């Protein structure tokens, strides 16, 4: 015999809870159709009509990629080697030393 606190849970039928633990009933996702992006091929001579959001996505996606490429190309050089070379040249000039190699011939 079940205790009274557990009897309340068994009194409700499982289908009333809205939970399905088996693979029966209609699927909860879009089943594969075999067509690319779920679009059937158009008859010959017809042109595909773009949806409203497609051009915005193309310009946004490829425009941001182009902008990122330009920004990366013109990015300032912040490496430690560049800073150290500049600092060393300034210190050598301040001491009166030459930092460029000049051949003796």
PDB file of N, CA and C in Angstrom:
ATOM      1  N   UNK A   1       0.834  -1.182   0.000  1.00  0.00           N
ATOM      2  CA  UNK A   1       0.000   0.000   0.000  1.00  0.00           C
ATOM      3  C   UNK A   1       0.879   1.245   0.000  1.00  0.00           C
ATOM      4  N   UNK A   2       0.531   2.247  -0.822  1.00  0.00           N
ATOM      5  CA  UNK A   2       1.303   3.478  -0.912  1.00  0.00           C
ATOM      6  C   UNK A   2       0.915   4.446   0.201  1.00  0.00           C
ATOM      7  N   UNK A   3       1.891   5.203   0.665  1.00  0.00           N
ATOM      8  CA  UNK A   3       1.553   6.223   1.666  1.00  0.00           C
ATOM      9  C   UNK A   3       0.659   7.299   1.038  1.00  0.00           C
ATOM     10  N   UNK A   4      -0.104   8.020   1.838  1.00  0.00           N
ATOM     11  CA  UNK A   4      -1.035   9.022   1.306  1.00  0.00           C
ATOM     12  C   UNK A   4      -0.346  10.122   0.504  1.00  0.00           C
ATOM     13  N   UNK A   5       0.907  10.454   0.816  1.00  0.00           N
ATOM     14  CA  UNK A   5       1.583  11.522   0.062  1.00  0.00           C
ATOM     15  C   UNK A   5       1.884  11.088  -1.371  1.00  0.00           C
ATOM     16  N   UNK A   6       2.117   9.789  -1.625  1.00  0.00           N
ATOM     17  CA  UNK A   6       2.385   9.302  -2.972  1.00  0.00           C
ATOM     18  C   UNK A   6       1.115   8.939  -3.729  1.00  0.00           C
ATOM     19  N   UNK A   7       0.032   8.730  -3.036  1.00  0.00           N
ATOM     20  CA  UNK A   7      -1.222   8.376  -3.701  1.00  0.00           C
ATOM     21  C   UNK A   7      -1.735   9.506  -4.594  1.00  0.00           C
ATOM     22  N   UNK A   8      -1.424  10.733  -4.229  1.00  0.00           N
ATOM     23  CA  UNK A   8      -1.887  11.878  -5.018  1.00  0.00           C
ATOM     24  C   UNK A   8      -1.239  11.869  -6.403  1.00  0.00           C
ATOM     25  N   UNK A   9       0.012  11.427  -6.494  1.00  0.00           N
ATOM     26  CA  UNK A   9       0.692  11.402  -7.782  1.00  0.00           C
ATOM     27  C   UNK A   9       0.195  10.279  -8.682  1.00  0.00           C
ATOM     28  N   UNK A  10      -0.212   9.199  -8.113  1.00  0.00           N
ATOM     29  CA  UNK A  10      -0.669   8.076  -8.928  1.00  0.00           C
ATOM     30  C   UNK A  10      -2.114   8.242  -9.370  1.00  0.00           C
ATOM     31  N   UNK A  11      -2.843   9.164  -8.762  1.00  0.00           N
ATOM     32  CA  UNK A  11      -4.244   9.348  -9.124  1.00  0.00           C
ATOM     33  C   UNK A  11      -4.399  10.070 -10.458  1.00  0.00           C
ATOM     34  N   UNK A  12      -3.383  10.823 -10.889  1.00  0.00           N
ATOM     35  CA  UNK A  12      -3.457  11.564 -12.144  1.00  0.00           C
ATOM     36  C   UNK A  12      -2.954  10.657 -13.269  1.00  0.00           C
ATOM     37  N   UNK A  13      -3.751  10.470 -14.326  1.00  0.00           N
ATOM     38  CA  UNK A  13      -3.268   9.642 -15.429  1.00  0.00           C
ATOM     39  C   UNK A  13      -2.090  10.320 -16.137  1.00  0.00           C
ATOM     40  N   UNK A  14      -1.231   9.491 -16.716  1.00  0.00           N
ATOM     41  CA  UNK A  14      -0.016  10.009 -17.351  1.00  0.00           C
ATOM     42  C   UNK A  14      -0.323  10.900 -18.549  1.00  0.00           C
ATOM     43  N   UNK A  15      -1.337  10.589 -19.318  1.00  0.00           N
ATOM     44  CA  UNK A  15      -1.627  11.408 -20.497  1.00  0.00           C
ATOM     45  C   UNK A  15      -2.101  12.797 -20.100  1.00  0.00           C
ATOM     46  N   UNK A  16      -2.567  12.981 -18.896  1.00  0.00           N
ATOM     47  CA  UNK A  16      -3.008  14.299 -18.437  1.00  0.00           C
ATOM     48  C   UNK A  16      -1.813  15.183 -18.088  1.00  0.00           C
ATOM     49  N   UNK A  17      -0.679  14.592 -17.805  1.00  0.00           N
ATOM     50  CA  UNK A  17       0.502  15.376 -17.457  1.00  0.00           C
ATOM     51  C   UNK A  17       1.150  16.009 -18.680  1.00  0.00           C
ATOM     52  N   UNK A  18       0.877  15.505 -19.871  1.00  0.00           N
ATOM     53  CA  UNK A  18       1.441  16.072 -21.090  1.00  0.00           C
ATOM     54  C   UNK A  18       2.853  15.617 -21.379  1.00  0.00           C
ATOM     55  N   UNK A  19       3.293  14.556 -20.742  1.00  0.00           N
ATOM     56  CA  UNK A  19       4.636  14.047 -20.980  1.00  0.00           C
ATOM     57  C   UNK A  19       4.546  12.774 -21.786  1.00  0.00           C
ATOM     58  N   UNK A  20       5.415  12.676 -22.776  1.00  0.00           N
ATOM     59  CA  UNK A  20       5.475  11.463 -23.600  1.00  0.00           C
ATOM     60  C   UNK A  20       6.905  10.959 -23.568  1.00  0.00           C
ATOM     61  N   UNK A  21       7.074   9.750 -23.050  1.00  0.00           N
ATOM     62  CA  UNK A  21       8.412   9.201 -22.946  1.00  0.00           C
ATOM     63  C   UNK A  21       8.694   8.172 -24.020  1.00  0.00           C
ATOM     64  N   UNK A  22       7.751   7.845 -24.827  1.00  0.00           N
ATOM     65  CA  UNK A  22       7.965   6.875 -25.889  1.00  0.00           C
ATOM     66  C   UNK A  22       7.936   7.591 -27.233  1.00  0.00           C
ATOM     67  N   UNK A  23       8.368   6.916 -28.276  1.00  0.00           N
ATOM     68  CA  UNK A  23       8.423   7.550 -29.592  1.00  0.00           C
ATOM     69  C   UNK A  23       7.148   7.262 -30.368  1.00  0.00           C
ATOM     70  N   UNK A  24       6.045   7.720 -29.895  1.00  0.00           N
ATOM     71  CA  UNK A  24       4.790   7.567 -30.617  1.00  0.00           C
ATOM     72  C   UNK A  24       4.137   8.933 -30.770  1.00  0.00           C
ATOM     73  N   UNK A  25       3.205   9.023 -31.644  1.00  0.00           N
ATOM     74  CA  UNK A  25       2.546  10.297 -31.901  1.00  0.00           C
ATOM     75  C   UNK A  25       3.265  11.052 -33.010  1.00  0.00           C
ATOM     76  N   UNK A  26       2.847  12.265 -33.233  1.00  0.00           N
ATOM     77  CA  UNK A  26       3.452  13.063 -34.298  1.00  0.00           C
ATOM     78  C   UNK A  26       4.817  13.561 -33.855  1.00  0.00           C
ATOM     79  N   UNK A  27       5.756  13.713 -34.776  1.00  0.00           N
ATOM     80  CA  UNK A  27       7.084  14.198 -34.404  1.00  0.00           C
ATOM     81  C   UNK A  27       7.021  15.677 -34.011  1.00  0.00           C
ATOM     82  N   UNK A  28       7.937  16.071 -33.148  1.00  0.00           N
ATOM     83  CA  UNK A  28       7.982  17.441 -32.665  1.00  0.00           C
ATOM     84  C   UNK A  28       9.042  18.253 -33.398  1.00  0.00           C
ATOM     85  N   UNK A  29       9.442  17.863 -34.552  1.00  0.00           N
ATOM     86  CA  UNK A  29      10.431  18.585 -35.342  1.00  0.00           C
ATOM     87  C   UNK A  29      10.046  18.449 -36.810  1.00  0.00           C
ATOM     88  N   UNK A  30      10.687  19.227 -37.648  1.00  0.00           N
ATOM     89  CA  UNK A  30      10.429  19.139 -39.078  1.00  0.00           C
ATOM     90  C   UNK A  30      11.160  17.924 -39.636  1.00  0.00           C
ATOM     91  N   UNK A  31      10.410  16.971 -40.135  1.00  0.00           N
ATOM     92  CA  UNK A  31      11.029  15.768 -40.671  1.00  0.00           C
ATOM     93  C   UNK A  31      11.787  16.098 -41.954  1.00  0.00           C
ATOM     94  N   UNK A  32      12.885  15.402 -42.203  1.00  0.00           N
ATOM     95  CA  UNK A  32      13.637  15.658 -43.422  1.00  0.00           C
ATOM     96  C   UNK A  32      12.827  15.293 -44.664  1.00  0.00           C
ATOM     97  N   UNK A  33      12.921  16.149 -45.680  1.00  0.00           N
ATOM     98  CA  UNK A  33      12.180  15.915 -46.923  1.00  0.00           C
ATOM     99  C   UNK A  33      13.085  15.421 -48.038  1.00  0.00           C
ATOM    100  N   UNK A  34      14.397  15.585 -47.870  1.00  0.00           N
ATOM    101  CA  UNK A  34      15.319  15.207 -48.924  1.00  0.00           C
ATOM    102  C   UNK A  34      15.653  16.358 -49.852  1.00  0.00           C
ATOM    103  N   UNK A  35      14.989  17.492 -49.691  1.00  0.00           N
ATOM    104  CA  UNK A  35      15.260  18.657 -50.519  1.00  0.00           C
ATOM    105  C   UNK A  35      16.168  19.605 -49.752  1.00  0.00           C
ATOM    106  N   UNK A  36      17.034  20.319 -50.474  1.00  0.00           N
ATOM    107  CA  UNK A  36      17.940  21.269 -49.846  1.00  0.00           C
ATOM    108  C   UNK A  36      17.136  22.403 -49.223  1.00  0.00           C
ATOM    109  N   UNK A  37      17.304  22.616 -47.927  1.00  0.00           N
ATOM    110  CA  UNK A  37      16.589  23.620 -47.139  1.00  0.00           C
ATOM    111  C   UNK A  37      15.082  23.433 -47.202  1.00  0.00           C
ATOM    112  N   UNK A  38      14.614  22.253 -47.542  1.00  0.00           N
ATOM    113  CA  UNK A  38      13.189  21.962 -47.577  1.00  0.00           C
ATOM    114  C   UNK A  38      12.465  22.587 -48.751  1.00  0.00           C
ATOM    115  N   UNK A  39      13.184  23.084 -49.758  1.00  0.00           N
ATOM    116  CA  UNK A  39      12.569  23.706 -50.929  1.00  0.00           C
ATOM    117  C   UNK A  39      12.623  22.738 -52.100  1.00  0.00           C
ATOM    118  N   UNK A  40      11.477  22.502 -52.695  1.00  0.00           N
ATOM    119  CA  UNK A  40      11.439  21.637 -53.864  1.00  0.00           C
ATOM    120  C   UNK A  40      12.017  22.377 -55.068  1.00  0.00           C
ATOM    121  N   UNK A  41      12.659  21.670 -55.983  1.00  0.00           N
ATOM    122  CA  UNK A  41      13.189  22.337 -57.174  1.00  0.00           C
ATOM    123  C   UNK A  41      12.049  22.910 -58.017  1.00  0.00           C
ATOM    124  N   UNK A  42      12.305  24.091 -58.575  1.00  0.00           N
ATOM    125  CA  UNK A  42      11.297  24.748 -59.397  1.00  0.00           C
ATOM    126  C   UNK A  42      11.264  24.126 -60.787  1.00  0.00           C
ATOM    127  N   UNK A  43      10.144  24.215 -61.445  1.00  0.00           N
ATOM    128  CA  UNK A  43      10.082  23.735 -62.826  1.00  0.00           C
ATOM    129  C   UNK A  43      11.020  24.560 -63.711  1.00  0.00           C
ATOM    130  N   UNK A  44      11.473  23.993 -64.819  1.00  0.00           N
ATOM    131  CA  UNK A  44      12.390  24.722 -65.705  1.00  0.00           C
ATOM    132  C   UNK A  44      11.764  26.029 -66.192  1.00  0.00           C
ATOM    133  N   UNK A  45      12.583  27.084 -66.200  1.00  0.00           N
ATOM    134  CA  UNK A  45      12.120  28.383 -66.665  1.00  0.00           C
ATOM    135  C   UNK A  45      11.641  29.295 -65.554  1.00  0.00           C
ATOM    136  N   UNK A  46      11.413  28.761 -64.374  1.00  0.00           N
ATOM    137  CA  UNK A  46      10.972  29.606 -63.260  1.00  0.00           C
ATOM    138  C   UNK A  46      12.171  30.016 -62.418  1.00  0.00           C
ATOM    139  N   UNK A  47      12.079  31.215 -61.857  1.00  0.00           N
ATOM    140  CA  UNK A  47      13.165  31.745 -61.040  1.00  0.00           C
ATOM    141  C   UNK A  47      12.732  31.742 -59.575  1.00  0.00           C
ATOM    142  N   UNK A  48      13.655  31.438 -58.702  1.00  0.00           N
ATOM    143  CA  UNK A  48      13.361  31.406 -57.279  1.00  0.00           C
ATOM    144  C   UNK A  48      13.143  32.820 -56.765  1.00  0.00           C
ATOM    145  N   UNK A  49      12.130  33.001 -55.958  1.00  0.00           N
ATOM    146  CA  UNK A  49      11.824  34.306 -55.368  1.00  0.00           C
ATOM    147  C   UNK A  49      12.477  34.361 -53.988  1.00  0.00           C
ATOM    148  N   UNK A  50      13.320  35.390 -53.781  1.00  0.00           N
ATOM    149  CA  UNK A  50      13.982  35.541 -52.485  1.00  0.00           C
ATOM    150  C   UNK A  50      12.996  36.058 -51.457  1.00  0.00           C
ATOM    151  N   UNK A  51      13.238  35.670 -50.207  1.00  0.00           N
ATOM    152  CA  UNK A  51      12.436  36.210 -49.125  1.00  0.00           C
ATOM    153  C   UNK A  51      13.001  37.563 -48.718  1.00  0.00           C
ATOM    154  N   UNK A  52      12.230  38.325 -47.951  1.00  0.00           N
ATOM    155  CA  UNK A  52      12.611  39.695 -47.615  1.00  0.00           C
ATOM    156  C   UNK A  52      13.904  39.774 -46.815  1.00  0.00           C
ATOM    157  N   UNK A  53      14.148  38.823 -45.955  1.00  0.00           N
ATOM    158  CA  UNK A  53      15.294  38.891 -45.058  1.00  0.00           C
ATOM    159  C   UNK A  53      16.595  38.455 -45.719  1.00  0.00           C
ATOM    160  N   UNK A  54      16.546  37.809 -46.872  1.00  0.00           N
ATOM    161  CA  UNK A  54      17.762  37.219 -47.450  1.00  0.00           C
ATOM    162  C   UNK A  54      18.784  38.268 -47.864  1.00  0.00           C
ATOM    163  N   UNK A  55      18.371  39.330 -48.544  1.00  0.00           N
ATOM    164  CA  UNK A  55      19.335  40.361 -48.956  1.00  0.00           C
ATOM    165  C   UNK A  55      19.943  41.064 -47.750  1.00  0.00           C
ATOM    166  N   UNK A  56      19.154  41.319 -46.727  1.00  0.00           N
ATOM    167  CA  UNK A  56      19.675  41.947 -45.517  1.00  0.00           C
ATOM    168  C   UNK A  56      20.734  41.045 -44.889  1.00  0.00           C
ATOM    169  N   UNK A  57      20.485  39.737 -44.880  1.00  0.00           N
ATOM    170  CA  UNK A  57      21.444  38.805 -44.299  1.00  0.00           C
ATOM    171  C   UNK A  57      22.729  38.783 -45.126  1.00  0.00           C
ATOM    172  N   UNK A  58      22.602  38.737 -46.458  1.00  0.00           N
ATOM    173  CA  UNK A  58      23.798  38.704 -47.311  1.00  0.00           C
ATOM    174  C   UNK A  58      24.645  39.961 -47.111  1.00  0.00           C
ATOM    175  N   UNK A  59      24.005  41.143 -47.158  1.00  0.00           N
ATOM    176  CA  UNK A  59      24.765  42.381 -46.995  1.00  0.00           C
ATOM    177  C   UNK A  59      25.347  42.474 -45.591  1.00  0.00           C
ATOM    178  N   UNK A  60      24.609  42.072 -44.596  1.00  0.00           N
ATOM    179  CA  UNK A  60      25.121  42.132 -43.230  1.00  0.00           C
ATOM    180  C   UNK A  60      26.264  41.168 -42.999  1.00  0.00           C
ATOM    181  N   UNK A  61      26.122  39.952 -43.480  1.00  0.00           N
ATOM    182  CA  UNK A  61      27.147  38.935 -43.251  1.00  0.00           C
ATOM    183  C   UNK A  61      28.439  39.251 -44.005  1.00  0.00           C
ATOM    184  N   UNK A  62      28.323  39.441 -45.306  1.00  0.00           N
ATOM    185  CA  UNK A  62      29.527  39.664 -46.098  1.00  0.00           C
ATOM    186  C   UNK A  62      30.070  41.074 -45.928  1.00  0.00           C
ATOM    187  N   UNK A  63      29.215  42.038 -45.623  1.00  0.00           N
ATOM    188  CA  UNK A  63      29.685  43.388 -45.328  1.00  0.00           C
ATOM    189  C   UNK A  63      30.492  43.431 -44.046  1.00  0.00           C
ATOM    190  N   UNK A  64      30.026  42.718 -43.029  1.00  0.00           N
ATOM    191  CA  UNK A  64      30.783  42.685 -41.778  1.00  0.00           C
ATOM    192  C   UNK A  64      32.091  41.924 -41.945  1.00  0.00           C
ATOM    193  N   UNK A  65      32.113  40.921 -42.800  1.00  0.00           N
ATOM    194  CA  UNK A  65      33.371  40.205 -43.063  1.00  0.00           C
ATOM    195  C   UNK A  65      34.372  41.113 -43.780  1.00  0.00           C
ATOM    196  N   UNK A  66      33.884  41.903 -44.744  1.00  0.00           N
ATOM    197  CA  UNK A  66      34.765  42.836 -45.448  1.00  0.00           C
ATOM    198  C   UNK A  66      35.275  43.916 -44.500  1.00  0.00           C
ATOM    199  N   UNK A  67      34.407  44.436 -43.649  1.00  0.00           N
ATOM    200  CA  UNK A  67      34.820  45.445 -42.673  1.00  0.00           C
ATOM    201  C   UNK A  67      35.856  44.868 -41.710  1.00  0.00           C
ATOM    202  N   UNK A  68      35.655  43.638 -41.268  1.00  0.00           N
ATOM    203  CA  UNK A  68      36.621  43.003 -40.370  1.00  0.00           C
ATOM    204  C   UNK A  68      37.972  42.822 -41.067  1.00  0.00           C
ATOM    205  N   UNK A  69      37.946  42.472 -42.353  1.00  0.00           N
ATOM    206  CA  UNK A  69      39.204  42.304 -43.092  1.00  0.00           C
ATOM    207  C   UNK A  69      39.948  43.633 -43.198  1.00  0.00           C
ATOM    208  N   UNK A  70      39.235  44.723 -43.482  1.00  0.00           N
ATOM    209  CA  UNK A  70      39.874  46.039 -43.583  1.00  0.00           C
ATOM    210  C   UNK A  70      40.424  46.465 -42.227  1.00  0.00           C
ATOM    211  N   UNK A  71      39.644  46.264 -41.176  1.00  0.00           N
ATOM    212  CA  UNK A  71      40.110  46.659 -39.848  1.00  0.00           C
ATOM    213  C   UNK A  71      41.325  45.838 -39.409  1.00  0.00           C
ATOM    214  N   UNK A  72      41.349  44.563 -39.733  1.00  0.00           N
ATOM    215  CA  UNK A  72      42.510  43.736 -39.383  1.00  0.00           C
ATOM    216  C   UNK A  72      43.739  44.124 -40.199  1.00  0.00           C
ATOM    217  N   UNK A  73      43.533  44.554 -41.449  1.00  0.00           N
ATOM    218  CA  UNK A  73      44.659  44.950 -42.293  1.00  0.00           C
ATOM    219  C   UNK A  73      45.316  46.222 -41.752  1.00  0.00           C
ATOM    220  N   UNK A  74      44.505  47.162 -41.303  1.00  0.00           N
ATOM    221  CA  UNK A  74      45.027  48.436 -40.814  1.00  0.00           C
ATOM    222  C   UNK A  74      45.174  48.481 -39.293  1.00  0.00           C
ATOM    223  N   UNK A  75      45.144  47.358 -38.652  1.00  0.00           N
ATOM    224  CA  UNK A  75      45.291  47.288 -37.196  1.00  0.00           C
ATOM    225  C   UNK A  75      46.685  47.770 -36.800  1.00  0.00           C
ATOM    226  N   UNK A  76      46.803  48.587 -35.752  1.00  0.00           N
ATOM    227  CA  UNK A  76      48.134  49.048 -35.349  1.00  0.00           C
ATOM    228  C   UNK A  76      48.968  47.888 -34.797  1.00  0.00           C
ATOM    229  N   UNK A  77      50.277  47.998 -35.010  1.00  0.00           N
ATOM    230  CA  UNK A  77      51.189  46.961 -34.531  1.00  0.00           C
ATOM    231  C   UNK A  77      51.464  47.203 -33.056  1.00  0.00           C
ATOM    232  N   UNK A  78      50.984  46.333 -32.206  1.00  0.00           N
ATOM    233  CA  UNK A  78      51.157  46.494 -30.760  1.00  0.00           C
ATOM    234  C   UNK A  78      51.994  45.374 -30.172  1.00  0.00           C
ATOM    235  N   UNK A  79      52.847  44.770 -30.992  1.00  0.00           N
ATOM    236  CA  UNK A  79      53.652  43.666 -30.478  1.00  0.00           C
ATOM    237  C   UNK A  79      54.774  44.195 -29.587  1.00  0.00           C
ATOM    238  N   UNK A  80      55.226  43.352 -28.698  1.00  0.00           N
ATOM    239  CA  UNK A  80      56.278  43.743 -27.759  1.00  0.00           C
ATOM    240  C   UNK A  80      57.601  43.939 -28.493  1.00  0.00           C
ATOM    241  N   UNK A  81      57.835  43.204 -29.589  1.00  0.00           N
ATOM    242  CA  UNK A  81      59.076  43.334 -30.337  1.00  0.00           C
ATOM    243  C   UNK A  81      59.178  44.712 -30.987  1.00  0.00           C
ATOM    244  N   UNK A  82      58.061  45.196 -31.557  1.00  0.00           N
ATOM    245  CA  UNK A  82      58.074  46.505 -32.193  1.00  0.00           C
ATOM    246  C   UNK A  82      58.330  47.599 -31.164  1.00  0.00           C
ATOM    247  N   UNK A  83      57.693  47.486 -30.015  1.00  0.00           N
ATOM    248  CA  UNK A  83      57.896  48.481 -28.960  1.00  0.00           C
ATOM    249  C   UNK A  83      59.342  48.456 -28.472  1.00  0.00           C
ATOM    250  N   UNK A  84      59.898  47.258 -28.290  1.00  0.00           N
ATOM    251  CA  UNK A  84      61.263  47.145 -27.781  1.00  0.00           C
ATOM    252  C   UNK A  84      62.272  47.711 -28.781  1.00  0.00           C
ATOM    253  N   UNK A  85      62.058  47.466 -30.068  1.00  0.00           N
ATOM    254  CA  UNK A  85      62.971  47.999 -31.087  1.00  0.00           C
ATOM    255  C   UNK A  85      62.927  49.523 -31.099  1.00  0.00           C
ATOM    256  N   UNK A  86      61.744  50.082 -31.032  1.00  0.00           N
ATOM    257  CA  UNK A  86      61.604  51.545 -31.012  1.00  0.00           C
ATOM    258  C   UNK A  86      62.246  52.127 -29.761  1.00  0.00           C
ATOM    259  N   UNK A  87      62.035  51.496 -28.632  1.00  0.00           N
ATOM    260  CA  UNK A  87      62.615  51.977 -27.371  1.00  0.00           C
ATOM    261  C   UNK A  87      64.137  51.881 -27.405  1.00  0.00           C
ATOM    262  N   UNK A  88      64.668  50.804 -27.958  1.00  0.00           N
ATOM    263  CA  UNK A  88      66.122  50.637 -28.044  1.00  0.00           C
ATOM    264  C   UNK A  88      66.740  51.691 -28.964  1.00  0.00           C
ATOM    265  N   UNK A  89      66.097  51.976 -30.082  1.00  0.00           N
ATOM    266  CA  UNK A  89      66.609  53.013 -30.995  1.00  0.00           C
ATOM    267  C   UNK A  89      66.626  54.378 -30.320  1.00  0.00           C
ATOM    268  N   UNK A  90      65.562  54.698 -29.591  1.00  0.00           N
ATOM    269  CA  UNK A  90      65.510  55.994 -28.906  1.00  0.00           C
ATOM    270  C   UNK A  90      66.602  56.112 -27.850  1.00  0.00           C
ATOM    271  N   UNK A  91      66.848  55.038 -27.106  1.00  0.00           N
ATOM    272  CA  UNK A  91      67.876  55.082 -26.070  1.00  0.00           C
ATOM    273  C   UNK A  91      69.281  55.184 -26.672  1.00  0.00           C
ATOM    274  N   UNK A  92      69.494  54.469 -27.788  1.00  0.00           N
ATOM    275  CA  UNK A  92      70.812  54.538 -28.433  1.00  0.00           C
ATOM    276  C   UNK A  92      71.055  55.923 -29.019  1.00  0.00           C
ATOM    277  N   UNK A  93      70.025  56.540 -29.592  1.00  0.00           N
ATOM    278  CA  UNK A  93      70.181  57.898 -30.113  1.00  0.00           C
ATOM    279  C   UNK A  93      70.456  58.886 -28.986  1.00  0.00           C
ATOM    280  N   UNK A  94      69.818  58.690 -27.844  1.00  0.00           N
ATOM    281  CA  UNK A  94      70.038  59.584 -26.708  1.00  0.00           C
ATOM    282  C   UNK A  94      71.476  59.481 -26.191  1.00  0.00           C
ATOM    283  N   UNK A  95      72.098  58.297 -26.296  1.00  0.00           N
ATOM    284  CA  UNK A  95      73.483  58.118 -25.862  1.00  0.00           C
ATOM    285  C   UNK A  95      74.471  58.494 -26.958  1.00  0.00           C
ATOM    286  N   UNK A  96      73.990  58.752 -28.152  1.00  0.00           N
ATOM    287  CA  UNK A  96      74.874  59.128 -29.254  1.00  0.00           C
ATOM    288  C   UNK A  96      75.430  57.939 -30.011  1.00  0.00           C
ATOM    289  N   UNK A  97      74.872  56.772 -29.843  1.00  0.00           N
ATOM    290  CA  UNK A  97      75.346  55.582 -30.542  1.00  0.00           C
ATOM    291  C   UNK A  97      74.571  55.414 -31.853  1.00  0.00           C
ATOM    292  N   UNK A  98      75.201  54.695 -32.778  1.00  0.00           N
ATOM    293  CA  UNK A  98      74.521  54.409 -34.043  1.00  0.00           C
ATOM    294  C   UNK A  98      73.765  53.096 -33.913  1.00  0.00           C
ATOM    295  N   UNK A  99      72.584  53.076 -34.422  1.00  0.00           N
ATOM    296  CA  UNK A  99      71.807  51.840 -34.358  1.00  0.00           C
ATOM    297  C   UNK A  99      71.726  51.141 -35.705  1.00  0.00           C
ATOM    298  N   UNK A 100      72.217  51.811 -36.771  1.00  0.00           N
ATOM    299  CA  UNK A 100      72.255  51.178 -38.086  1.00  0.00           C
ATOM    300  C   UNK A 100      73.659  50.673 -38.354  1.00  0.00           C
ATOM    301  N   UNK A 101      73.721  49.515 -38.986  1.00  0.00           N
ATOM    302  CA  UNK A 101      75.019  48.933 -39.318  1.00  0.00           C
ATOM    303  C   UNK A 101      75.552  49.593 -40.566  1.00  0.00           C
ATOM    304  N   UNK A 102      76.787  50.053 -40.487  1.00  0.00           N
ATOM    305  CA  UNK A 102      77.459  50.646 -41.654  1.00  0.00           C
ATOM    306  C   UNK A 102      78.705  49.826 -41.933  1.00  0.00           C
ATOM    307  N   UNK A 103      78.812  49.360 -43.160  1.00  0.00           N
ATOM    308  CA  UNK A 103      79.971  48.522 -43.498  1.00  0.00           C
ATOM    309  C   UNK A 103      81.226  49.402 -43.563  1.00  0.00           C
ATOM    310  N   UNK A 104      82.374  48.791 -43.236  1.00  0.00           N
ATOM    311  CA  UNK A 104      83.617  49.540 -43.182  1.00  0.00           C
ATOM    312  C   UNK A 104      84.355  49.566 -44.525  1.00  0.00           C
ATOM    313  N   UNK A 105      83.824  48.946 -45.535  1.00  0.00           N
ATOM    314  CA  UNK A 105      84.523  48.920 -46.811  1.00  0.00           C
ATOM    315  C   UNK A 105      84.191  50.077 -47.693  1.00  0.00           C
TER     316      UNK A 105
END
